[in-house]
Amino acid sequence: MIRFFEKDPYAPIQYVYDVENILHKSTSAFQEIMVIKNPHFGKILVLDGVVQITERDELFYHEMLVHVVMHAHPDPKKVVVIGGGDGGTVREVLKHSSVEKVYFIEIDEEVINVSKEFFPSVACGVDDRRVEIKCMDGAEFIKGRHNDIDVVIVDSTDIIGFAKSLFTVEFFKSVKDSLTDEGMFVTLTESLHFHKDIVIEVQEQMRLIFPHVDLYTAPIATYAGNWWTFSTASKRHDVRRMRREYAVDTRYYSDEIHCQAFLPPKMYEKLMQRKLQW
């Protein structure tokens, strides 16, 4: 059996996966795309040498990225998903009956096509009639919106690289402008173990733009650092509070998880004051 050595340039460790088969390998205009099969995790999507999702544990990431803000929002109807070419985020958004429109903005069309072929249970929602796919830079798409989006969700690759345009003050300002008065925003922000300074930097940038900014976490086995963070922002509401009844089909996320996922207030303030040392 051959082995795949992950090439994550931003992690101080290296993950190694046994490989039963290499199911796909190609190079798009943006990145190298590979699908491998592992005896424990099943099929794995790899972009530029870094694991993006696995069949076995993608639910932890996608459910936590989506359902916290979707339950905190009183009535999300129009949602923008930036990135997430595998389709998992779109799948979770569509579980909410209030949703009328999803703008799916993925810069690399090839990732969508590969995911539809090899991860049909993840990409199952991308052809839904409510979904409009646009293969373009998410930052450019958001610039054209004004007060008409309820929720913006960023499901990008690592912050450093061609996704960096999605983690700037300019982008956060565009997101705020695109949102309705009750609008909410969430983005991945790397590992609290390995990328604490990046987490703080993104929180500080978001605080310059939004009146309500917060941070929650989830355990994800296949992402370097495992203790993964999600940064949220809102124009009006506290995202810690659920405003809609938990009634979607999930395997990990729940109303109880929602309440427990956020950093305790004292710990959050210590983080932002750079007093958490590890």
C-alpha atoms as a PDB file:
ATOM      1  CA  MET A   1       0.000   0.000   0.000  1.00  0.00           C
ATOM      2  CA  ILE A   2       1.339   3.438  -0.935  1.00  0.00           C
ATOM      3  CA  ARG A   3       1.173   6.450   1.354  1.00  0.00           C
ATOM      4  CA  PHE A   4       0.173  10.075   0.842  1.00  0.00           C
ATOM      5  CA  PHE A   5       2.186  12.651   2.776  1.00  0.00           C
ATOM      6  CA  GLU A   6       0.178  15.847   3.154  1.00  0.00           C
ATOM      7  CA  LYS A   7       2.065  18.988   2.107  1.00  0.00           C
ATOM      8  CA  ASP A   8       0.506  21.655   4.321  1.00  0.00           C
ATOM      9  CA  PRO A   9       3.017  24.548   4.319  1.00  0.00           C
ATOM     10  CA  TYR A  10       1.318  26.255   7.284  1.00  0.00           C
ATOM     11  CA  ALA A  11       1.348  23.338   9.749  1.00  0.00           C
ATOM     12  CA  PRO A  12       4.251  22.294  12.008  1.00  0.00           C
ATOM     13  CA  ILE A  13       3.265  18.627  11.621  1.00  0.00           C
ATOM     14  CA  GLN A  14       2.685  16.321   8.663  1.00  0.00           C
ATOM     15  CA  TYR A  15      -0.234  13.917   8.275  1.00  0.00           C
ATOM     16  CA  VAL A  16       0.274  10.620   6.451  1.00  0.00           C
ATOM     17  CA  TYR A  17      -2.525   8.583   4.876  1.00  0.00           C
ATOM     18  CA  ASP A  18      -2.497   5.025   3.568  1.00  0.00           C
ATOM     19  CA  VAL A  19      -3.745   5.021  -0.021  1.00  0.00           C
ATOM     20  CA  GLU A  20      -5.727   2.122  -1.438  1.00  0.00           C
ATOM     21  CA  ASN A  21      -6.222   3.851  -4.801  1.00  0.00           C
ATOM     22  CA  ILE A  22      -5.586   7.142  -6.560  1.00  0.00           C
ATOM     23  CA  LEU A  23      -8.998   7.766  -8.121  1.00  0.00           C
ATOM     24  CA  HIS A  24      -8.310  11.086  -9.839  1.00  0.00           C
ATOM     25  CA  LYS A  25      -5.479  13.476 -10.516  1.00  0.00           C
ATOM     26  CA  SER A  26      -5.600  16.644 -12.621  1.00  0.00           C
ATOM     27  CA  THR A  27      -4.398  20.232 -12.710  1.00  0.00           C
ATOM     28  CA  SER A  28      -6.884  23.058 -13.163  1.00  0.00           C
ATOM     29  CA  ALA A  29      -6.103  26.692 -13.921  1.00  0.00           C
ATOM     30  CA  PHE A  30      -5.748  27.262 -10.180  1.00  0.00           C
ATOM     31  CA  GLN A  31      -4.474  24.133  -8.440  1.00  0.00           C
ATOM     32  CA  GLU A  32      -3.681  20.436  -8.469  1.00  0.00           C
ATOM     33  CA  ILE A  33      -6.743  18.287  -7.712  1.00  0.00           C
ATOM     34  CA  MET A  34      -6.485  14.731  -6.444  1.00  0.00           C
ATOM     35  CA  VAL A  35      -8.910  12.156  -5.051  1.00  0.00           C
ATOM     36  CA  ILE A  36      -7.499   9.253  -3.089  1.00  0.00           C
ATOM     37  CA  LYS A  37      -9.091   6.406  -1.138  1.00  0.00           C
ATOM     38  CA  ASN A  38      -8.069   5.604   2.435  1.00  0.00           C
ATOM     39  CA  PRO A  39      -9.213   2.507   4.363  1.00  0.00           C
ATOM     40  CA  HIS A  40     -10.444   4.583   7.334  1.00  0.00           C
ATOM     41  CA  PHE A  41     -11.584   7.920   5.891  1.00  0.00           C
ATOM     42  CA  GLY A  42     -12.855   6.665   2.539  1.00  0.00           C
ATOM     43  CA  LYS A  43     -12.434   9.032  -0.398  1.00  0.00           C
ATOM     44  CA  ILE A  44     -10.357  12.145   0.265  1.00  0.00           C
ATOM     45  CA  LEU A  45     -10.277  15.378  -1.751  1.00  0.00           C
ATOM     46  CA  VAL A  46      -6.798  16.917  -1.917  1.00  0.00           C
ATOM     47  CA  LEU A  47      -6.011  20.377  -3.345  1.00  0.00           C
ATOM     48  CA  ASP A  48      -2.383  21.367  -3.885  1.00  0.00           C
ATOM     49  CA  GLY A  49      -1.268  18.592  -1.552  1.00  0.00           C
ATOM     50  CA  VAL A  50      -3.596  19.563   1.325  1.00  0.00           C
ATOM     51  CA  VAL A  51      -6.597  17.501   2.451  1.00  0.00           C
ATOM     52  CA  GLN A  52      -9.871  19.403   2.038  1.00  0.00           C
ATOM     53  CA  ILE A  53     -12.524  16.839   2.959  1.00  0.00           C
ATOM     54  CA  THR A  54     -12.867  13.147   3.675  1.00  0.00           C
ATOM     55  CA  GLU A  55     -16.005  11.072   3.333  1.00  0.00           C
ATOM     56  CA  ARG A  56     -15.878  10.028   6.960  1.00  0.00           C
ATOM     57  CA  ASP A  57     -15.505  13.346   8.769  1.00  0.00           C
ATOM     58  CA  GLU A  58     -16.615  16.122   6.392  1.00  0.00           C
ATOM     59  CA  LEU A  59     -19.846  16.401   8.375  1.00  0.00           C
ATOM     60  CA  PHE A  60     -18.104  18.019  11.360  1.00  0.00           C
ATOM     61  CA  TYR A  61     -16.756  20.864   9.261  1.00  0.00           C
ATOM     62  CA  HIS A  62     -19.748  21.486   7.017  1.00  0.00           C
ATOM     63  CA  GLU A  63     -22.362  21.264   9.749  1.00  0.00           C
ATOM     64  CA  MET A  64     -20.491  23.619  12.051  1.00  0.00           C
ATOM     65  CA  LEU A  65     -19.638  26.121   9.330  1.00  0.00           C
ATOM     66  CA  VAL A  66     -23.274  26.423   8.277  1.00  0.00           C
ATOM     67  CA  HIS A  67     -25.784  25.760  11.018  1.00  0.00           C
ATOM     68  CA  VAL A  68     -24.535  28.139  13.711  1.00  0.00           C
ATOM     69  CA  VAL A  69     -25.270  31.296  11.698  1.00  0.00           C
ATOM     70  CA  MET A  70     -28.295  29.771   9.985  1.00  0.00           C
ATOM     71  CA  HIS A  71     -29.924  29.140  13.363  1.00  0.00           C
ATOM     72  CA  ALA A  72     -28.812  32.474  14.804  1.00  0.00           C
ATOM     73  CA  HIS A  73     -30.441  34.345  11.915  1.00  0.00           C
ATOM     74  CA  PRO A  74     -34.201  34.898  12.376  1.00  0.00           C
ATOM     75  CA  ASP A  75     -35.180  34.128   8.765  1.00  0.00           C
ATOM     76  CA  PRO A  76     -32.375  33.373   6.260  1.00  0.00           C
ATOM     77  CA  LYS A  77     -33.703  33.398   2.690  1.00  0.00           C
ATOM     78  CA  LYS A  78     -30.822  34.512   0.473  1.00  0.00           C
ATOM     79  CA  VAL A  79     -27.418  32.966   1.162  1.00  0.00           C
ATOM     80  CA  VAL A  80     -24.028  33.404  -0.490  1.00  0.00           C
ATOM     81  CA  VAL A  81     -21.544  30.520  -0.283  1.00  0.00           C
ATOM     82  CA  ILE A  82     -18.038  31.505  -1.347  1.00  0.00           C
ATOM     83  CA  GLY A  83     -15.711  28.586  -2.040  1.00  0.00           C
ATOM     84  CA  GLY A  84     -16.621  25.092  -0.937  1.00  0.00           C
ATOM     85  CA  GLY A  85     -16.428  23.591  -4.398  1.00  0.00           C
ATOM     86  CA  ASP A  86     -17.081  20.141  -2.927  1.00  0.00           C
ATOM     87  CA  GLY A  87     -20.682  21.259  -2.332  1.00  0.00           C
ATOM     88  CA  GLY A  88     -20.935  20.285   1.336  1.00  0.00           C
ATOM     89  CA  THR A  89     -21.711  23.796   2.534  1.00  0.00           C
ATOM     90  CA  VAL A  90     -24.434  24.216  -0.080  1.00  0.00           C
ATOM     91  CA  ARG A  91     -25.917  20.853   0.969  1.00  0.00           C
ATOM     92  CA  GLU A  92     -26.177  21.985   4.584  1.00  0.00           C
ATOM     93  CA  VAL A  93     -27.622  25.421   3.717  1.00  0.00           C
ATOM     94  CA  LEU A  94     -30.390  23.781   1.712  1.00  0.00           C
ATOM     95  CA  LYS A  95     -31.545  21.831   4.773  1.00  0.00           C
ATOM     96  CA  HIS A  96     -33.166  25.056   5.978  1.00  0.00           C
ATOM     97  CA  SER A  97     -36.682  25.396   4.578  1.00  0.00           C
ATOM     98  CA  SER A  98     -36.531  29.193   4.749  1.00  0.00           C
ATOM     99  CA  VAL A  99     -33.842  29.320   2.025  1.00  0.00           C
ATOM    100  CA  GLU A 100     -35.074  30.597  -1.325  1.00  0.00           C
ATOM    101  CA  LYS A 101     -31.785  31.354  -3.099  1.00  0.00           C
ATOM    102  CA  VAL A 102     -28.160  30.222  -2.777  1.00  0.00           C
ATOM    103  CA  TYR A 103     -25.420  31.972  -4.737  1.00  0.00           C
ATOM    104  CA  PHE A 104     -22.633  29.391  -4.985  1.00  0.00           C
ATOM    105  CA  ILE A 105     -19.408  31.245  -5.836  1.00  0.00           C
ATOM    106  CA  GLU A 106     -16.486  28.924  -6.577  1.00  0.00           C
ATOM    107  CA  ILE A 107     -13.476  30.185  -8.501  1.00  0.00           C
ATOM    108  CA  ASP A 108     -12.449  26.710  -9.729  1.00  0.00           C
ATOM    109  CA  GLU A 109     -15.171  24.959 -11.722  1.00  0.00           C
ATOM    110  CA  GLU A 110     -13.077  21.796 -11.937  1.00  0.00           C
ATOM    111  CA  VAL A 111     -13.382  21.250  -8.167  1.00  0.00           C
ATOM    112  CA  ILE A 112     -17.177  21.244  -8.520  1.00  0.00           C
ATOM    113  CA  ASN A 113     -17.042  18.762 -11.394  1.00  0.00           C
ATOM    114  CA  VAL A 114     -14.636  16.406  -9.614  1.00  0.00           C
ATOM    115  CA  SER A 115     -16.711  16.549  -6.428  1.00  0.00           C
ATOM    116  CA  LYS A 116     -19.936  15.743  -8.274  1.00  0.00           C
ATOM    117  CA  GLU A 117     -18.251  12.658  -9.729  1.00  0.00           C
ATOM    118  CA  PHE A 118     -16.433  11.324  -6.671  1.00  0.00           C
ATOM    119  CA  PHE A 119     -18.363  12.804  -3.721  1.00  0.00           C
ATOM    120  CA  PRO A 120     -22.030  12.640  -4.787  1.00  0.00           C
ATOM    121  CA  SER A 121     -23.293  12.542  -1.189  1.00  0.00           C
ATOM    122  CA  VAL A 122     -21.452  15.812  -0.507  1.00  0.00           C
ATOM    123  CA  ALA A 123     -22.198  17.600  -3.795  1.00  0.00           C
ATOM    124  CA  CYS A 124     -25.828  16.446  -3.900  1.00  0.00           C
ATOM    125  CA  GLY A 125     -27.282  19.959  -3.547  1.00  0.00           C
ATOM    126  CA  VAL A 126     -25.337  21.902  -6.164  1.00  0.00           C
ATOM    127  CA  ASP A 127     -27.874  21.223  -8.928  1.00  0.00           C
ATOM    128  CA  ASP A 128     -30.853  22.222  -6.778  1.00  0.00           C
ATOM    129  CA  ARG A 129     -33.129  24.758  -8.510  1.00  0.00           C
ATOM    130  CA  ARG A 130     -32.445  27.284  -5.713  1.00  0.00           C
ATOM    131  CA  VAL A 131     -28.691  27.237  -6.384  1.00  0.00           C
ATOM    132  CA  GLU A 132     -27.025  29.616  -8.849  1.00  0.00           C
ATOM    133  CA  ILE A 133     -23.402  28.696  -9.566  1.00  0.00           C
ATOM    134  CA  LYS A 134     -20.944  31.428 -10.513  1.00  0.00           C
ATOM    135  CA  CYS A 135     -17.320  30.487 -11.199  1.00  0.00           C
ATOM    136  CA  MET A 136     -15.530  33.673 -10.197  1.00  0.00           C
ATOM    137  CA  ASP A 137     -13.651  35.402  -7.388  1.00  0.00           C
ATOM    138  CA  GLY A 138     -15.972  35.611  -4.396  1.00  0.00           C
ATOM    139  CA  ALA A 139     -14.586  39.008  -3.398  1.00  0.00           C
ATOM    140  CA  GLU A 140     -15.579  40.415  -6.790  1.00  0.00           C
ATOM    141  CA  PHE A 141     -19.086  38.950  -6.540  1.00  0.00           C
ATOM    142  CA  ILE A 142     -19.709  40.466  -3.114  1.00  0.00           C
ATOM    143  CA  LYS A 143     -18.640  43.932  -4.304  1.00  0.00           C
ATOM    144  CA  GLY A 144     -21.764  44.079  -6.454  1.00  0.00           C
ATOM    145  CA  ARG A 145     -24.286  43.365  -3.683  1.00  0.00           C
ATOM    146  CA  HIS A 146     -26.039  45.927  -1.471  1.00  0.00           C
ATOM    147  CA  ASN A 147     -28.305  45.080   1.483  1.00  0.00           C
ATOM    148  CA  ASP A 148     -29.912  42.059  -0.168  1.00  0.00           C
ATOM    149  CA  ILE A 149     -28.155  39.013   1.364  1.00  0.00           C
ATOM    150  CA  ASP A 150     -29.133  37.382   4.664  1.00  0.00           C
ATOM    151  CA  VAL A 151     -26.079  35.174   5.253  1.00  0.00           C
ATOM    152  CA  VAL A 152     -22.592  35.063   3.721  1.00  0.00           C
ATOM    153  CA  ILE A 153     -20.545  31.899   4.298  1.00  0.00           C
ATOM    154  CA  VAL A 154     -16.879  31.656   3.280  1.00  0.00           C
ATOM    155  CA  ASP A 155     -15.651  28.085   2.790  1.00  0.00           C
ATOM    156  CA  SER A 156     -12.230  28.706   1.307  1.00  0.00           C
ATOM    157  CA  THR A 157      -8.876  26.996   1.159  1.00  0.00           C
ATOM    158  CA  ASP A 158      -6.197  28.201   3.593  1.00  0.00           C
ATOM    159  CA  ILE A 159      -6.111  31.938   4.253  1.00  0.00           C
ATOM    160  CA  ILE A 160      -2.690  32.327   2.636  1.00  0.00           C
ATOM    161  CA  GLY A 161      -2.683  31.930  -1.150  1.00  0.00           C
ATOM    162  CA  PHE A 162      -5.244  32.872  -3.811  1.00  0.00           C
ATOM    163  CA  ALA A 163      -7.975  32.859  -1.106  1.00  0.00           C
ATOM    164  CA  LYS A 164      -6.280  35.754   0.710  1.00  0.00           C
ATOM    165  CA  SER A 165      -8.647  38.284  -0.916  1.00  0.00           C
ATOM    166  CA  LEU A 166     -11.392  36.794   1.283  1.00  0.00           C
ATOM    167  CA  PHE A 167      -9.621  37.818   4.503  1.00  0.00           C
ATOM    168  CA  THR A 168      -9.064  41.550   4.149  1.00  0.00           C
ATOM    169  CA  VAL A 169     -10.716  44.606   5.701  1.00  0.00           C
ATOM    170  CA  GLU A 170     -11.881  45.583   2.215  1.00  0.00           C
ATOM    171  CA  PHE A 171     -13.626  42.237   1.770  1.00  0.00           C
ATOM    172  CA  PHE A 172     -15.266  42.386   5.205  1.00  0.00           C
ATOM    173  CA  LYS A 173     -16.550  45.878   4.368  1.00  0.00           C
ATOM    174  CA  SER A 174     -18.042  44.533   1.115  1.00  0.00           C
ATOM    175  CA  VAL A 175     -19.683  41.694   3.043  1.00  0.00           C
ATOM    176  CA  LYS A 176     -21.245  44.124   5.515  1.00  0.00           C
ATOM    177  CA  ASP A 177     -22.565  46.256   2.649  1.00  0.00           C
ATOM    178  CA  SER A 178     -24.088  43.188   0.994  1.00  0.00           C
ATOM    179  CA  LEU A 179     -25.986  42.086   4.086  1.00  0.00           C
ATOM    180  CA  THR A 180     -29.472  43.066   5.153  1.00  0.00           C
ATOM    181  CA  ASP A 181     -29.891  44.765   8.544  1.00  0.00           C
ATOM    182  CA  GLU A 182     -30.173  41.361  10.224  1.00  0.00           C
ATOM    183  CA  GLY A 183     -27.438  39.814   8.090  1.00  0.00           C
ATOM    184  CA  MET A 184     -24.730  37.472   9.358  1.00  0.00           C
ATOM    185  CA  PHE A 185     -21.328  36.302   8.174  1.00  0.00           C
ATOM    186  CA  VAL A 186     -19.102  33.327   8.973  1.00  0.00           C
ATOM    187  CA  THR A 187     -15.695  32.222   7.724  1.00  0.00           C
ATOM    188  CA  LEU A 188     -13.205  29.525   8.664  1.00  0.00           C
ATOM    189  CA  THR A 189     -10.156  30.896  10.485  1.00  0.00           C
ATOM    190  CA  GLU A 190      -7.707  28.029  10.846  1.00  0.00           C
ATOM    191  CA  SER A 191      -6.505  26.243  14.000  1.00  0.00           C
ATOM    192  CA  LEU A 192      -6.420  27.746  17.469  1.00  0.00           C
ATOM    193  CA  HIS A 193      -3.493  25.432  18.241  1.00  0.00           C
ATOM    194  CA  PHE A 194      -1.286  26.274  15.262  1.00  0.00           C
ATOM    195  CA  HIS A 195      -2.536  29.591  13.855  1.00  0.00           C
ATOM    196  CA  LYS A 196      -3.558  31.634  16.910  1.00  0.00           C
ATOM    197  CA  ASP A 197      -2.071  34.880  15.562  1.00  0.00           C
ATOM    198  CA  ILE A 198      -4.029  34.521  12.311  1.00  0.00           C
ATOM    199  CA  VAL A 199      -7.239  33.905  14.275  1.00  0.00           C
ATOM    200  CA  ILE A 200      -6.680  37.062  16.304  1.00  0.00           C
ATOM    201  CA  GLU A 201      -5.786  39.113  13.223  1.00  0.00           C
ATOM    202  CA  VAL A 202      -8.995  38.148  11.412  1.00  0.00           C
ATOM    203  CA  GLN A 203     -11.060  38.887  14.530  1.00  0.00           C
ATOM    204  CA  GLU A 204      -9.419  42.308  14.833  1.00  0.00           C
ATOM    205  CA  GLN A 205     -10.100  43.114  11.173  1.00  0.00           C
ATOM    206  CA  MET A 206     -13.739  42.059  11.469  1.00  0.00           C
ATOM    207  CA  ARG A 207     -14.140  44.171  14.616  1.00  0.00           C
ATOM    208  CA  LEU A 208     -13.181  47.239  12.576  1.00  0.00           C
ATOM    209  CA  ILE A 209     -16.233  46.659  10.359  1.00  0.00           C
ATOM    210  CA  PHE A 210     -18.948  44.810  12.296  1.00  0.00           C
ATOM    211  CA  PRO A 211     -20.585  45.723  15.627  1.00  0.00           C
ATOM    212  CA  HIS A 212     -20.877  42.057  16.671  1.00  0.00           C
ATOM    213  CA  VAL A 213     -17.916  39.690  16.186  1.00  0.00           C
ATOM    214  CA  ASP A 214     -17.359  36.313  17.839  1.00  0.00           C
ATOM    215  CA  LEU A 215     -15.485  33.016  17.615  1.00  0.00           C
ATOM    216  CA  TYR A 216     -16.507  29.382  17.935  1.00  0.00           C
ATOM    217  CA  THR A 217     -14.657  26.106  17.438  1.00  0.00           C
ATOM    218  CA  ALA A 218     -15.133  22.484  16.417  1.00  0.00           C
ATOM    219  CA  PRO A 219     -12.979  19.330  16.525  1.00  0.00           C
ATOM    220  CA  ILE A 220     -11.894  18.227  13.051  1.00  0.00           C
ATOM    221  CA  ALA A 221      -9.553  15.248  12.893  1.00  0.00           C
ATOM    222  CA  THR A 222      -8.156  15.787   9.399  1.00  0.00           C
ATOM    223  CA  TYR A 223      -7.338  19.521   9.608  1.00  0.00           C
ATOM    224  CA  ALA A 224      -3.921  20.419  11.009  1.00  0.00           C
ATOM    225  CA  GLY A 225      -4.262  21.510  14.609  1.00  0.00           C
ATOM    226  CA  ASN A 226      -7.644  19.775  14.945  1.00  0.00           C
ATOM    227  CA  TRP A 227      -9.153  22.555  17.121  1.00  0.00           C
ATOM    228  CA  TRP A 228     -10.641  24.493  14.216  1.00  0.00           C
ATOM    229  CA  THR A 229     -12.053  28.012  14.475  1.00  0.00           C
ATOM    230  CA  PHE A 230     -14.900  29.853  12.779  1.00  0.00           C
ATOM    231  CA  SER A 231     -15.187  33.642  12.927  1.00  0.00           C
ATOM    232  CA  THR A 232     -18.660  35.145  12.863  1.00  0.00           C
ATOM    233  CA  ALA A 233     -19.980  38.661  12.465  1.00  0.00           C
ATOM    234  CA  SER A 234     -23.404  40.268  12.524  1.00  0.00           C
ATOM    235  CA  LYS A 235     -24.873  43.711  11.879  1.00  0.00           C
ATOM    236  CA  ARG A 236     -27.439  43.418  14.679  1.00  0.00           C
ATOM    237  CA  HIS A 237     -27.665  40.093  16.521  1.00  0.00           C
ATOM    238  CA  ASP A 238     -25.559  38.069  18.938  1.00  0.00           C
ATOM    239  CA  VAL A 239     -24.719  34.894  17.010  1.00  0.00           C
ATOM    240  CA  ARG A 240     -24.451  32.884  20.239  1.00  0.00           C
ATOM    241  CA  ARG A 241     -28.232  32.964  20.571  1.00  0.00           C
ATOM    242  CA  MET A 242     -30.408  30.667  18.444  1.00  0.00           C
ATOM    243  CA  ARG A 243     -33.427  32.449  16.957  1.00  0.00           C
ATOM    244  CA  ARG A 244     -34.890  29.500  15.094  1.00  0.00           C
ATOM    245  CA  GLU A 245     -35.847  26.061  16.327  1.00  0.00           C
ATOM    246  CA  TYR A 246     -33.353  23.289  15.667  1.00  0.00           C
ATOM    247  CA  ALA A 247     -35.210  21.122  13.161  1.00  0.00           C
ATOM    248  CA  VAL A 248     -32.656  20.104  10.517  1.00  0.00           C
ATOM    249  CA  ASP A 249     -31.146  16.664   9.983  1.00  0.00           C
ATOM    250  CA  THR A 250     -27.587  16.734  11.331  1.00  0.00           C
ATOM    251  CA  ARG A 251     -25.232  14.176  12.818  1.00  0.00           C
ATOM    252  CA  TYR A 252     -23.040  16.427  14.985  1.00  0.00           C
ATOM    253  CA  TYR A 253     -24.472  19.945  15.206  1.00  0.00           C
ATOM    254  CA  SER A 254     -27.385  20.454  17.598  1.00  0.00           C
ATOM    255  CA  ASP A 255     -28.891  23.187  19.763  1.00  0.00           C
ATOM    256  CA  GLU A 256     -26.693  21.962  22.624  1.00  0.00           C
ATOM    257  CA  ILE A 257     -23.542  22.043  20.473  1.00  0.00           C
ATOM    258  CA  HIS A 258     -24.487  25.550  19.269  1.00  0.00           C
ATOM    259  CA  CYS A 259     -24.469  26.864  22.831  1.00  0.00           C
ATOM    260  CA  GLN A 260     -21.235  25.124  23.792  1.00  0.00           C
ATOM    261  CA  ALA A 261     -19.177  25.811  20.666  1.00  0.00           C
ATOM    262  CA  PHE A 262     -18.307  29.446  21.386  1.00  0.00           C
ATOM    263  CA  LEU A 263     -15.222  30.299  23.398  1.00  0.00           C
ATOM    264  CA  PRO A 264     -16.171  31.197  26.989  1.00  0.00           C
ATOM    265  CA  PRO A 265     -16.262  35.023  27.309  1.00  0.00           C
ATOM    266  CA  LYS A 266     -13.265  35.264  29.645  1.00  0.00           C
ATOM    267  CA  MET A 267     -11.182  32.992  27.434  1.00  0.00           C
ATOM    268  CA  TYR A 268     -12.208  34.950  24.345  1.00  0.00           C
ATOM    269  CA  GLU A 269     -11.120  38.233  25.927  1.00  0.00           C
ATOM    270  CA  LYS A 270      -7.794  36.707  26.966  1.00  0.00           C
ATOM    271  CA  LEU A 271      -7.303  35.563  23.384  1.00  0.00           C
ATOM    272  CA  MET A 272      -8.017  39.019  21.993  1.00  0.00           C
ATOM    273  CA  GLN A 273      -5.703  40.603  24.561  1.00  0.00           C
ATOM    274  CA  ARG A 274      -3.018  38.119  23.423  1.00  0.00           C
ATOM    275  CA  LYS A 275      -2.766  36.668  26.912  1.00  0.00           C
ATOM    276  CA  LEU A 276      -3.380  33.053  25.907  1.00  0.00           C
ATOM    277  CA  GLN A 277       0.059  31.528  25.730  1.00  0.00           C
ATOM    278  CA  TRP A 278       0.822  28.193  24.024  1.00  0.00           C
END
